[in-house]
Amino acid sequence: MLIKNKAVRELCTTILALLCCHVLSAQGNYPAFPDDTVFTVADEMPYFSGCRSFNKNDGRKRECSDLELVRFISQQLVYPAEARNKGIEGTVFVSFIIDEIGEVQNPSILTDIGGGCGEAALNVVRQMPPWTPALQNGQPVKTRMNLPIQFYLRAKNRDKAERFTISWGSLRSGQASKKELLDNLSKRVYVRGPEGDNRFIDELEFVFQKENRIVSATSRGSISAELKKVVERAKRGGTLVIHASVQDGGQFVAVSRQFQITR
């Protein structure tokens, strides 16, 4: 997934600004800290996975950590169907502890917006790989992190979404035969950004509709067996719509393309 540097910096700034700034337990310059001591500010805050090649005194390590965190969220977050159907948008705040060995512990929801978004945000936290733990007086310590995770639909990003396009195999127009659709099931669906770059697809949905009949399925970005079944059940005279969800500037953008099935 390609993420514009400016967009990444804006989201990273949001994430960092929303980290708590108060110590939960009093500390002193002791050789060791009590097991139940949890910091929200430490001499060196945790680093997300994937940045071990940078020296801790190199500012690029923090930038790398922020970038990898944003990338991970964008790849793992799934917009719940209930929230999409109800048009629910907003920001979920989650809290979790990174322990002395970098493991994520005790994830919880601070602020929810409903529609399954809170649980979706928690699932992202639960899937996080080990972090590099925080250091206080040179010792690994527990830290509490508060993180905002954003959910936005196309309604507020319509102008932005219009600058994205979906391409799928050899299909060039808005019309296709059933055979042409089937022939392209082995091809990957791509979303191209305003600059022609391919974007990582967080969620891919196929919807076939004819009169009052609707068949749909979703996947995590690739054409799964369930999506293939939607195409296989499609009939002439109906419409196949592809919905793809990508991130841009820390917000989800829903991109769509439809095909009239001619024969």
C-alpha atoms as a PDB file:
ATOM      1  CA  MET A   1       0.000   0.000   0.000  1.00  0.00           C
ATOM      2  CA  LEU A   2       1.245   3.416  -0.920  1.00  0.00           C
ATOM      3  CA  ILE A   3       0.601   6.213   1.598  1.00  0.00           C
ATOM      4  CA  LYS A   4       1.347   9.838   0.865  1.00  0.00           C
ATOM      5  CA  ASN A   5       3.918  11.273   3.247  1.00  0.00           C
ATOM      6  CA  LYS A   6       1.789  14.311   4.082  1.00  0.00           C
ATOM      7  CA  ALA A   7      -1.231  12.172   4.864  1.00  0.00           C
ATOM      8  CA  VAL A   8       0.850   9.867   7.029  1.00  0.00           C
ATOM      9  CA  ARG A   9       2.324  12.771   8.950  1.00  0.00           C
ATOM     10  CA  GLU A  10      -1.140  14.214   9.582  1.00  0.00           C
ATOM     11  CA  LEU A  11      -2.510  10.938  10.914  1.00  0.00           C
ATOM     12  CA  CYS A  12       0.616  10.236  12.938  1.00  0.00           C
ATOM     13  CA  THR A  13       0.358  13.683  14.494  1.00  0.00           C
ATOM     14  CA  THR A  14      -3.227  12.888  15.468  1.00  0.00           C
ATOM     15  CA  ILE A  15      -2.216   9.580  16.981  1.00  0.00           C
ATOM     16  CA  LEU A  16       0.682  11.007  18.940  1.00  0.00           C
ATOM     17  CA  ALA A  17      -1.271  14.019  20.155  1.00  0.00           C
ATOM     18  CA  LEU A  18      -3.903  11.734  21.616  1.00  0.00           C
ATOM     19  CA  LEU A  19      -1.540   9.604  23.656  1.00  0.00           C
ATOM     20  CA  CYS A  20      -2.093  10.191  27.366  1.00  0.00           C
ATOM     21  CA  CYS A  21       0.277  12.579  29.098  1.00  0.00           C
ATOM     22  CA  HIS A  22      -0.107  11.687  32.776  1.00  0.00           C
ATOM     23  CA  VAL A  23       1.725   9.102  34.853  1.00  0.00           C
ATOM     24  CA  LEU A  24      -0.654   6.641  36.474  1.00  0.00           C
ATOM     25  CA  SER A  25       1.672   5.709  39.344  1.00  0.00           C
ATOM     26  CA  ALA A  26       4.283   7.732  41.181  1.00  0.00           C
ATOM     27  CA  GLN A  27       7.855   6.731  40.491  1.00  0.00           C
ATOM     28  CA  GLY A  28      11.292   7.572  41.747  1.00  0.00           C
ATOM     29  CA  ASN A  29      14.808   6.731  40.632  1.00  0.00           C
ATOM     30  CA  TYR A  30      14.666   3.183  41.918  1.00  0.00           C
ATOM     31  CA  PRO A  31      16.572   0.138  40.645  1.00  0.00           C
ATOM     32  CA  ALA A  32      13.276  -1.546  39.787  1.00  0.00           C
ATOM     33  CA  PHE A  33       9.625  -0.567  39.502  1.00  0.00           C
ATOM     34  CA  PRO A  34       6.705  -2.400  41.120  1.00  0.00           C
ATOM     35  CA  ASP A  35       5.075  -4.947  38.816  1.00  0.00           C
ATOM     36  CA  ASP A  36       1.808  -3.001  38.726  1.00  0.00           C
ATOM     37  CA  THR A  37       3.410   0.311  37.688  1.00  0.00           C
ATOM     38  CA  VAL A  38       2.033   1.537  34.360  1.00  0.00           C
ATOM     39  CA  PHE A  39       3.417   4.646  32.677  1.00  0.00           C
ATOM     40  CA  THR A  40       1.810   6.913  30.117  1.00  0.00           C
ATOM     41  CA  VAL A  41       5.023   8.910  29.686  1.00  0.00           C
ATOM     42  CA  ALA A  42       8.458   7.275  29.768  1.00  0.00           C
ATOM     43  CA  ASP A  43      12.015   8.266  28.917  1.00  0.00           C
ATOM     44  CA  GLU A  44      11.638   6.341  25.677  1.00  0.00           C
ATOM     45  CA  MET A  45       8.160   5.457  24.460  1.00  0.00           C
ATOM     46  CA  PRO A  46       7.402   2.154  22.687  1.00  0.00           C
ATOM     47  CA  TYR A  47       8.178   1.615  19.012  1.00  0.00           C
ATOM     48  CA  PHE A  48       5.886  -0.288  16.700  1.00  0.00           C
ATOM     49  CA  SER A  49       7.206  -3.403  14.978  1.00  0.00           C
ATOM     50  CA  GLY A  50       9.428  -3.125  11.922  1.00  0.00           C
ATOM     51  CA  CYS A  51      11.891  -0.391  12.910  1.00  0.00           C
ATOM     52  CA  ARG A  52      14.731  -2.246  14.652  1.00  0.00           C
ATOM     53  CA  SER A  53      17.242  -1.193  11.992  1.00  0.00           C
ATOM     54  CA  PHE A  54      17.144   2.415  13.223  1.00  0.00           C
ATOM     55  CA  ASN A  55      19.163   3.695  16.187  1.00  0.00           C
ATOM     56  CA  LYS A  56      16.967   4.813  19.067  1.00  0.00           C
ATOM     57  CA  ASN A  57      18.553   8.273  18.956  1.00  0.00           C
ATOM     58  CA  ASP A  58      17.680   8.609  15.278  1.00  0.00           C
ATOM     59  CA  GLY A  59      14.465  10.574  14.779  1.00  0.00           C
ATOM     60  CA  ARG A  60      13.753   8.389  11.782  1.00  0.00           C
ATOM     61  CA  LYS A  61      13.008   5.471  14.100  1.00  0.00           C
ATOM     62  CA  ARG A  62      10.044   7.323  15.600  1.00  0.00           C
ATOM     63  CA  GLU A  63       8.880   8.339  12.127  1.00  0.00           C
ATOM     64  CA  CYS A  64       9.214   4.714  11.016  1.00  0.00           C
ATOM     65  CA  SER A  65       7.212   3.544  14.032  1.00  0.00           C
ATOM     66  CA  ASP A  66       4.397   5.990  13.304  1.00  0.00           C
ATOM     67  CA  LEU A  67       4.331   5.025   9.632  1.00  0.00           C
ATOM     68  CA  GLU A  68       4.276   1.289  10.352  1.00  0.00           C
ATOM     69  CA  LEU A  69       1.465   1.749  12.870  1.00  0.00           C
ATOM     70  CA  VAL A  70      -0.650   3.654  10.342  1.00  0.00           C
ATOM     71  CA  ARG A  71       0.116   1.052   7.684  1.00  0.00           C
ATOM     72  CA  PHE A  72      -0.850  -1.786  10.016  1.00  0.00           C
ATOM     73  CA  ILE A  73      -4.163  -0.155  10.943  1.00  0.00           C
ATOM     74  CA  SER A  74      -5.030   0.502   7.303  1.00  0.00           C
ATOM     75  CA  GLN A  75      -4.302  -3.123   6.381  1.00  0.00           C
ATOM     76  CA  GLN A  76      -6.098  -4.778   9.295  1.00  0.00           C
ATOM     77  CA  LEU A  77      -9.135  -2.578   9.913  1.00  0.00           C
ATOM     78  CA  VAL A  78     -12.433  -3.894   8.534  1.00  0.00           C
ATOM     79  CA  TYR A  79     -15.410  -1.530   8.290  1.00  0.00           C
ATOM     80  CA  PRO A  80     -18.315  -3.449   9.880  1.00  0.00           C
ATOM     81  CA  ALA A  81     -21.243  -4.151   7.567  1.00  0.00           C
ATOM     82  CA  GLU A  82     -23.714  -2.884  10.185  1.00  0.00           C
ATOM     83  CA  ALA A  83     -21.905   0.457  10.437  1.00  0.00           C
ATOM     84  CA  ARG A  84     -21.736   0.827   6.649  1.00  0.00           C
ATOM     85  CA  ASN A  85     -25.411  -0.013   6.229  1.00  0.00           C
ATOM     86  CA  LYS A  86     -26.402   2.497   8.913  1.00  0.00           C
ATOM     87  CA  GLY A  87     -23.995   5.180   7.690  1.00  0.00           C
ATOM     88  CA  ILE A  88     -22.118   5.225  10.999  1.00  0.00           C
ATOM     89  CA  GLU A  89     -18.897   7.249  10.923  1.00  0.00           C
ATOM     90  CA  GLY A  90     -16.525   8.706  13.464  1.00  0.00           C
ATOM     91  CA  THR A  91     -13.563   7.864  15.653  1.00  0.00           C
ATOM     92  CA  VAL A  92     -13.231   4.992  18.101  1.00  0.00           C
ATOM     93  CA  PHE A  93     -10.701   5.465  20.907  1.00  0.00           C
ATOM     94  CA  VAL A  94      -9.058   2.322  22.229  1.00  0.00           C
ATOM     95  CA  SER A  95      -6.677   1.851  25.134  1.00  0.00           C
ATOM     96  CA  PHE A  96      -4.113  -0.882  25.731  1.00  0.00           C
ATOM     97  CA  ILE A  97      -0.963  -1.642  27.711  1.00  0.00           C
ATOM     98  CA  ILE A  98       2.385  -2.560  26.186  1.00  0.00           C
ATOM     99  CA  ASP A  99       4.182  -4.672  28.771  1.00  0.00           C
ATOM    100  CA  GLU A 100       7.901  -5.048  29.528  1.00  0.00           C
ATOM    101  CA  ILE A 101       8.453  -7.501  26.671  1.00  0.00           C
ATOM    102  CA  GLY A 102       6.412  -5.526  24.151  1.00  0.00           C
ATOM    103  CA  GLU A 103       3.246  -7.624  24.237  1.00  0.00           C
ATOM    104  CA  VAL A 104      -0.127  -5.865  23.911  1.00  0.00           C
ATOM    105  CA  GLN A 105      -2.278  -6.391  27.000  1.00  0.00           C
ATOM    106  CA  ASN A 106      -5.774  -5.454  28.207  1.00  0.00           C
ATOM    107  CA  PRO A 107      -7.210  -3.737  25.102  1.00  0.00           C
ATOM    108  CA  SER A 108     -10.400  -1.838  25.852  1.00  0.00           C
ATOM    109  CA  ILE A 109     -12.742   0.691  24.264  1.00  0.00           C
ATOM    110  CA  LEU A 110     -12.681   4.243  25.606  1.00  0.00           C
ATOM    111  CA  THR A 111     -15.152   5.760  23.131  1.00  0.00           C
ATOM    112  CA  ASP A 112     -17.381   3.790  20.758  1.00  0.00           C
ATOM    113  CA  ILE A 113     -19.581   4.936  17.862  1.00  0.00           C
ATOM    114  CA  GLY A 114     -21.657   1.759  17.526  1.00  0.00           C
ATOM    115  CA  GLY A 115     -22.379  -0.466  14.578  1.00  0.00           C
ATOM    116  CA  GLY A 116     -19.612  -2.877  15.518  1.00  0.00           C
ATOM    117  CA  CYS A 117     -16.876  -0.258  15.068  1.00  0.00           C
ATOM    118  CA  GLY A 118     -15.607  -0.615  18.622  1.00  0.00           C
ATOM    119  CA  GLU A 119     -15.109  -4.352  18.268  1.00  0.00           C
ATOM    120  CA  ALA A 120     -13.487  -3.850  14.843  1.00  0.00           C
ATOM    121  CA  ALA A 121     -11.010  -1.422  16.404  1.00  0.00           C
ATOM    122  CA  LEU A 122     -10.282  -3.870  19.231  1.00  0.00           C
ATOM    123  CA  ASN A 123      -9.617  -6.613  16.688  1.00  0.00           C
ATOM    124  CA  VAL A 124      -6.911  -4.444  15.136  1.00  0.00           C
ATOM    125  CA  VAL A 125      -5.239  -4.006  18.525  1.00  0.00           C
ATOM    126  CA  ARG A 126      -5.481  -7.725  19.290  1.00  0.00           C
ATOM    127  CA  GLN A 127      -3.667  -8.539  16.049  1.00  0.00           C
ATOM    128  CA  MET A 128      -0.745  -6.191  16.724  1.00  0.00           C
ATOM    129  CA  PRO A 129       2.700  -7.811  16.689  1.00  0.00           C
ATOM    130  CA  PRO A 130       5.029  -7.229  19.672  1.00  0.00           C
ATOM    131  CA  TRP A 131       6.298  -3.670  20.105  1.00  0.00           C
ATOM    132  CA  THR A 132       9.711  -2.575  21.337  1.00  0.00           C
ATOM    133  CA  PRO A 133       8.806  -1.751  24.963  1.00  0.00           C
ATOM    134  CA  ALA A 134       9.181   1.634  26.626  1.00  0.00           C
ATOM    135  CA  LEU A 135      12.230   2.398  28.762  1.00  0.00           C
ATOM    136  CA  GLN A 136      12.347   4.284  32.057  1.00  0.00           C
ATOM    137  CA  ASN A 137      15.772   4.766  33.648  1.00  0.00           C
ATOM    138  CA  GLY A 138      17.044   2.251  31.105  1.00  0.00           C
ATOM    139  CA  GLN A 139      14.586  -0.433  32.199  1.00  0.00           C
ATOM    140  CA  PRO A 140      11.705  -1.872  30.132  1.00  0.00           C
ATOM    141  CA  VAL A 141       8.402  -0.795  31.677  1.00  0.00           C
ATOM    142  CA  LYS A 142       4.674  -1.095  31.074  1.00  0.00           C
ATOM    143  CA  THR A 143       3.035   1.817  29.235  1.00  0.00           C
ATOM    144  CA  ARG A 144      -0.577   2.646  28.518  1.00  0.00           C
ATOM    145  CA  MET A 145      -1.412   3.817  25.016  1.00  0.00           C
ATOM    146  CA  ASN A 146      -4.624   5.499  23.848  1.00  0.00           C
ATOM    147  CA  LEU A 147      -5.210   5.303  20.106  1.00  0.00           C
ATOM    148  CA  PRO A 148      -7.846   6.873  17.802  1.00  0.00           C
ATOM    149  CA  ILE A 149      -9.077   4.703  14.928  1.00  0.00           C
ATOM    150  CA  GLN A 150     -11.175   6.451  12.310  1.00  0.00           C
ATOM    151  CA  PHE A 151     -14.188   5.144  10.378  1.00  0.00           C
ATOM    152  CA  TYR A 152     -15.387   7.210   7.420  1.00  0.00           C
ATOM    153  CA  LEU A 153     -17.672   6.319   4.539  1.00  0.00           C
ATOM    154  CA  ARG A 154     -17.899   7.683   1.040  1.00  0.00           C
ATOM    155  CA  ALA A 155     -20.541  10.310   1.869  1.00  0.00           C
ATOM    156  CA  LYS A 156     -17.965  12.705   3.282  1.00  0.00           C
ATOM    157  CA  ASN A 157     -15.328  11.692   0.784  1.00  0.00           C
ATOM    158  CA  ARG A 158     -17.296  11.733  -2.459  1.00  0.00           C
ATOM    159  CA  ASP A 159     -15.069  14.268  -4.176  1.00  0.00           C
ATOM    160  CA  LYS A 160     -12.004  12.348  -3.037  1.00  0.00           C
ATOM    161  CA  ALA A 161     -13.478   9.001  -4.118  1.00  0.00           C
ATOM    162  CA  GLU A 162     -14.115  10.295  -7.626  1.00  0.00           C
ATOM    163  CA  ARG A 163     -10.349  10.637  -8.057  1.00  0.00           C
ATOM    164  CA  PHE A 164      -9.908   6.897  -7.469  1.00  0.00           C
ATOM    165  CA  THR A 165     -10.634   4.224 -10.062  1.00  0.00           C
ATOM    166  CA  ILE A 166     -11.172   0.469 -10.004  1.00  0.00           C
ATOM    167  CA  SER A 167      -9.575  -1.689 -12.679  1.00  0.00           C
ATOM    168  CA  TRP A 168     -10.250  -5.379 -13.122  1.00  0.00           C
ATOM    169  CA  GLY A 169      -8.479  -7.512 -15.688  1.00  0.00           C
ATOM    170  CA  SER A 170      -9.499  -6.917 -19.300  1.00  0.00           C
ATOM    171  CA  LEU A 171     -12.785  -5.159 -18.474  1.00  0.00           C
ATOM    172  CA  ARG A 172     -12.724  -1.628 -19.872  1.00  0.00           C
ATOM    173  CA  SER A 173     -16.324  -0.451 -20.163  1.00  0.00           C
ATOM    174  CA  GLY A 174     -19.385  -0.460 -17.960  1.00  0.00           C
ATOM    175  CA  GLN A 175     -20.830  -3.433 -19.815  1.00  0.00           C
ATOM    176  CA  ALA A 176     -19.703  -7.046 -19.716  1.00  0.00           C
ATOM    177  CA  SER A 177     -20.995 -10.471 -20.573  1.00  0.00           C
ATOM    178  CA  LYS A 178     -21.261 -13.227 -17.982  1.00  0.00           C
ATOM    179  CA  LYS A 179     -18.401 -15.023 -19.754  1.00  0.00           C
ATOM    180  CA  GLU A 180     -16.172 -11.929 -19.585  1.00  0.00           C
ATOM    181  CA  LEU A 181     -16.804 -11.630 -15.861  1.00  0.00           C
ATOM    182  CA  LEU A 182     -16.007 -15.299 -15.300  1.00  0.00           C
ATOM    183  CA  ASP A 183     -12.847 -15.050 -17.410  1.00  0.00           C
ATOM    184  CA  ASN A 184     -11.547 -12.274 -15.163  1.00  0.00           C
ATOM    185  CA  LEU A 185     -12.072 -14.059 -11.846  1.00  0.00           C
ATOM    186  CA  SER A 186      -8.426 -15.103 -11.904  1.00  0.00           C
ATOM    187  CA  LYS A 187      -7.356 -11.451 -12.222  1.00  0.00           C
ATOM    188  CA  ARG A 188      -6.817  -9.135  -9.273  1.00  0.00           C
ATOM    189  CA  VAL A 189      -8.956  -6.055  -8.635  1.00  0.00           C
ATOM    190  CA  TYR A 190      -6.907  -2.864  -8.314  1.00  0.00           C
ATOM    191  CA  VAL A 191      -7.717   0.586  -6.973  1.00  0.00           C
ATOM    192  CA  ARG A 192      -5.617   3.360  -8.460  1.00  0.00           C
ATOM    193  CA  GLY A 193      -5.127   6.632  -6.624  1.00  0.00           C
ATOM    194  CA  PRO A 194      -5.136  10.145  -8.106  1.00  0.00           C
ATOM    195  CA  GLU A 195      -1.477   9.768  -9.082  1.00  0.00           C
ATOM    196  CA  GLY A 196      -1.944   6.367 -10.700  1.00  0.00           C
ATOM    197  CA  ASP A 197      -0.543   4.444  -7.741  1.00  0.00           C
ATOM    198  CA  ASN A 198      -2.101   1.149  -6.660  1.00  0.00           C
ATOM    199  CA  ARG A 199      -3.757   1.321  -3.244  1.00  0.00           C
ATOM    200  CA  PHE A 200      -4.097  -1.497  -0.737  1.00  0.00           C
ATOM    201  CA  ILE A 201      -7.728  -2.682  -0.629  1.00  0.00           C
ATOM    202  CA  ASP A 202      -8.941  -3.099   2.944  1.00  0.00           C
ATOM    203  CA  GLU A 203     -12.266  -4.633   1.966  1.00  0.00           C
ATOM    204  CA  LEU A 204     -13.645  -5.810  -1.362  1.00  0.00           C
ATOM    205  CA  GLU A 205     -17.342  -6.418  -1.981  1.00  0.00           C
ATOM    206  CA  PHE A 206     -19.197  -7.854  -4.990  1.00  0.00           C
ATOM    207  CA  VAL A 207     -22.936  -7.143  -5.229  1.00  0.00           C
ATOM    208  CA  PHE A 208     -25.181  -8.622  -7.924  1.00  0.00           C
ATOM    209  CA  GLN A 209     -28.641  -7.139  -8.285  1.00  0.00           C
ATOM    210  CA  LYS A 210     -31.504  -7.942 -10.628  1.00  0.00           C
ATOM    211  CA  GLU A 211     -34.978  -6.677  -9.851  1.00  0.00           C
ATOM    212  CA  ASN A 212     -35.581  -7.660  -6.204  1.00  0.00           C
ATOM    213  CA  ARG A 213     -32.798 -10.222  -6.043  1.00  0.00           C
ATOM    214  CA  ILE A 214     -29.513  -9.262  -4.371  1.00  0.00           C
ATOM    215  CA  VAL A 215     -26.473 -11.477  -3.837  1.00  0.00           C
ATOM    216  CA  SER A 216     -23.366 -10.097  -2.130  1.00  0.00           C
ATOM    217  CA  ALA A 217     -20.141 -11.139  -0.438  1.00  0.00           C
ATOM    218  CA  THR A 218     -17.054  -9.440   0.975  1.00  0.00           C
ATOM    219  CA  SER A 219     -13.383 -10.318   1.337  1.00  0.00           C
ATOM    220  CA  ARG A 220     -10.158  -8.815   2.657  1.00  0.00           C
ATOM    221  CA  GLY A 221      -9.045  -7.379  -0.681  1.00  0.00           C
ATOM    222  CA  SER A 222      -8.736 -10.387  -2.986  1.00  0.00           C
ATOM    223  CA  ILE A 223     -11.292 -12.295  -5.045  1.00  0.00           C
ATOM    224  CA  SER A 224     -12.245 -15.045  -2.624  1.00  0.00           C
ATOM    225  CA  ALA A 225     -14.350 -18.136  -3.254  1.00  0.00           C
ATOM    226  CA  GLU A 226     -17.375 -16.263  -1.891  1.00  0.00           C
ATOM    227  CA  LEU A 227     -16.895 -13.400  -4.358  1.00  0.00           C
ATOM    228  CA  LYS A 228     -16.553 -15.881  -7.213  1.00  0.00           C
ATOM    229  CA  LYS A 229     -19.905 -17.406  -6.239  1.00  0.00           C
ATOM    230  CA  VAL A 230     -21.547 -13.991  -6.593  1.00  0.00           C
ATOM    231  CA  VAL A 231     -20.298 -13.725 -10.182  1.00  0.00           C
ATOM    232  CA  GLU A 232     -21.261 -17.324 -10.933  1.00  0.00           C
ATOM    233  CA  ARG A 233     -24.825 -16.585  -9.802  1.00  0.00           C
ATOM    234  CA  ALA A 234     -25.066 -13.387 -11.834  1.00  0.00           C
ATOM    235  CA  LYS A 235     -27.602 -13.308 -14.671  1.00  0.00           C
ATOM    236  CA  ARG A 236     -28.010 -11.383 -17.895  1.00  0.00           C
ATOM    237  CA  GLY A 237     -29.868  -8.123 -17.429  1.00  0.00           C
ATOM    238  CA  GLY A 238     -28.574  -7.619 -13.906  1.00  0.00           C
ATOM    239  CA  THR A 239     -25.850  -5.401 -12.480  1.00  0.00           C
ATOM    240  CA  LEU A 240     -22.609  -6.369 -10.788  1.00  0.00           C
ATOM    241  CA  VAL A 241     -21.211  -3.655  -8.522  1.00  0.00           C
ATOM    242  CA  ILE A 242     -17.703  -3.735  -7.075  1.00  0.00           C
ATOM    243  CA  HIS A 243     -17.111  -1.783  -3.862  1.00  0.00           C
ATOM    244  CA  ALA A 244     -13.530  -1.355  -2.652  1.00  0.00           C
ATOM    245  CA  SER A 245     -12.481   0.364   0.558  1.00  0.00           C
ATOM    246  CA  VAL A 246      -9.050   2.026   0.724  1.00  0.00           C
ATOM    247  CA  GLN A 247      -7.423   4.559   3.025  1.00  0.00           C
ATOM    248  CA  ASP A 248      -6.232   8.010   2.092  1.00  0.00           C
ATOM    249  CA  GLY A 249      -4.974  10.531   4.609  1.00  0.00           C
ATOM    250  CA  GLY A 250      -6.143   8.389   7.515  1.00  0.00           C
ATOM    251  CA  GLN A 251      -9.713   8.201   6.196  1.00  0.00           C
ATOM    252  CA  PHE A 252     -11.522   5.387   4.454  1.00  0.00           C
ATOM    253  CA  VAL A 253     -12.528   6.054   0.869  1.00  0.00           C
ATOM    254  CA  ALA A 254     -15.169   3.845  -0.758  1.00  0.00           C
ATOM    255  CA  VAL A 255     -14.643   3.384  -4.492  1.00  0.00           C
ATOM    256  CA  SER A 256     -17.219   1.699  -6.727  1.00  0.00           C
ATOM    257  CA  ARG A 257     -17.575   0.423 -10.267  1.00  0.00           C
ATOM    258  CA  GLN A 258     -20.539  -1.285 -11.862  1.00  0.00           C
ATOM    259  CA  PHE A 259     -21.067  -3.555 -14.869  1.00  0.00           C
ATOM    260  CA  GLN A 260     -24.291  -4.099 -16.758  1.00  0.00           C
ATOM    261  CA  ILE A 261     -24.420  -7.777 -17.684  1.00  0.00           C
ATOM    262  CA  THR A 262     -25.364  -7.876 -21.353  1.00  0.00           C
ATOM    263  CA  ARG A 263     -25.459 -11.588 -22.169  1.00  0.00           C
END
